[in-house]
């Protein structure tokens, strides 16, 4: 694990990122000798999210939930504001 200070991290960020990518070891960034941040490699989670919880099985969405009725469209587009 590498430890560096903020000014060194600012001047060599590209190098530190390369090191983290290649070694997969985090870099600790410190200020006045105390750790304040950790630079780690990003790990993409390849598994899909599974949604669930207390509402699972209790809510049903209709197939046409986002369909717009003709009356609604008439109210918007054939009105005093937008005459034909």
Protein backbone atom coordinates (compact mmCIF):
# COMPACT_ATOMS: atom_id res chain seq x y z
CA UNK A 1 0.00 0.00 0.00
CA UNK A 2 1.43 3.33 -1.04
CA UNK A 3 1.12 6.46 1.10
CA UNK A 4 1.48 9.94 -0.39
CA UNK A 5 0.71 13.52 0.55
CA UNK A 6 -1.78 15.81 -1.20
CA UNK A 7 0.80 17.89 -3.11
CA UNK A 8 2.50 14.78 -4.49
CA UNK A 9 -0.88 13.29 -5.39
CA UNK A 10 -1.84 16.47 -7.26
CA UNK A 11 1.37 16.51 -9.27
CA UNK A 12 1.40 12.78 -10.08
CA UNK A 13 -2.27 11.80 -10.20
CA UNK A 14 -1.98 10.04 -13.58
CA UNK A 15 0.92 7.94 -12.28
CA UNK A 16 -0.94 7.05 -9.07
CA UNK A 17 -4.02 6.01 -11.04
CA UNK A 18 -1.85 3.81 -13.27
CA UNK A 19 -0.29 2.19 -10.18
CA UNK A 20 -3.71 1.53 -8.66
CA UNK A 21 -4.96 -0.01 -11.92
CA UNK A 22 -1.92 -2.24 -12.36
CA UNK A 23 -1.40 -3.42 -8.78
CA UNK A 24 -5.01 -3.19 -7.57
CA UNK A 25 -3.61 -1.82 -4.28
CA UNK A 26 -5.03 1.40 -2.84
CA UNK A 27 -3.06 4.60 -2.39
CA UNK A 28 -3.58 6.53 0.84
CA UNK A 29 -3.47 10.31 0.52
CA UNK A 30 -2.61 12.22 3.66
CA UNK A 31 -2.44 15.78 4.96
CA UNK A 32 0.02 16.70 7.70
CA UNK A 33 0.87 13.04 8.19
CA UNK A 34 -2.75 11.95 8.72
CA UNK A 35 -4.70 9.88 6.17
CA UNK A 36 -7.62 11.77 4.61
CA UNK A 37 -8.50 9.83 1.43
CA UNK A 38 -7.99 6.52 -0.32
CA UNK A 39 -7.52 6.13 -4.08
CA UNK A 40 -8.75 2.69 -5.17
CA UNK A 41 -9.49 0.96 -8.46
CA UNK A 42 -13.10 1.08 -9.63
CA UNK A 43 -14.71 -2.34 -9.76
CA UNK A 44 -17.69 -2.65 -12.07
CA UNK A 45 -20.32 -4.95 -10.62
CA UNK A 46 -21.28 -7.26 -13.47
CA UNK A 47 -24.26 -8.81 -11.73
CA UNK A 48 -27.61 -7.14 -12.41
CA UNK A 49 -29.36 -5.42 -9.54
CA UNK A 50 -32.16 -7.38 -7.95
CA UNK A 51 -34.94 -5.10 -6.87
CA UNK A 52 -37.10 -6.11 -3.99
CA UNK A 53 -38.14 -5.00 -0.60
CA UNK A 54 -41.35 -4.38 1.22
CA UNK A 55 -43.32 -3.44 -1.95
CA UNK A 56 -42.33 -6.57 -3.88
CA UNK A 57 -45.43 -8.31 -5.22
CA UNK A 58 -47.76 -5.56 -3.95
CA UNK A 59 -47.57 -3.13 -6.86
CA UNK A 60 -48.59 -3.84 -10.42
CA UNK A 61 -48.00 -1.49 -13.32
CA UNK A 62 -50.51 -1.57 -16.16
CA UNK A 63 -49.19 -2.19 -19.66
CA UNK A 64 -50.58 1.16 -20.84
CA UNK A 65 -49.56 3.24 -17.80
CA UNK A 66 -47.74 5.78 -19.97
CA UNK A 67 -50.32 5.95 -22.75
CA UNK A 68 -51.86 9.38 -23.32
CA UNK A 69 -55.58 9.59 -23.99
CA UNK A 70 -57.00 11.66 -26.85
CA UNK A 71 -58.86 13.83 -24.33
CA UNK A 72 -55.58 14.69 -22.64
CA UNK A 73 -53.91 15.54 -25.94
CA UNK A 74 -56.90 17.66 -26.96
CA UNK A 75 -56.59 19.58 -23.70
CA UNK A 76 -52.98 20.43 -24.45
CA UNK A 77 -52.88 20.91 -28.20
CA UNK A 78 -56.41 21.98 -29.18
CA UNK A 79 -57.01 24.69 -26.64
CA UNK A 80 -57.07 28.46 -26.39
CA UNK A 81 -53.29 28.49 -26.00
CA UNK A 82 -52.66 26.22 -29.03
CA UNK A 83 -55.61 26.67 -31.42
CA UNK A 84 -55.76 24.46 -34.51
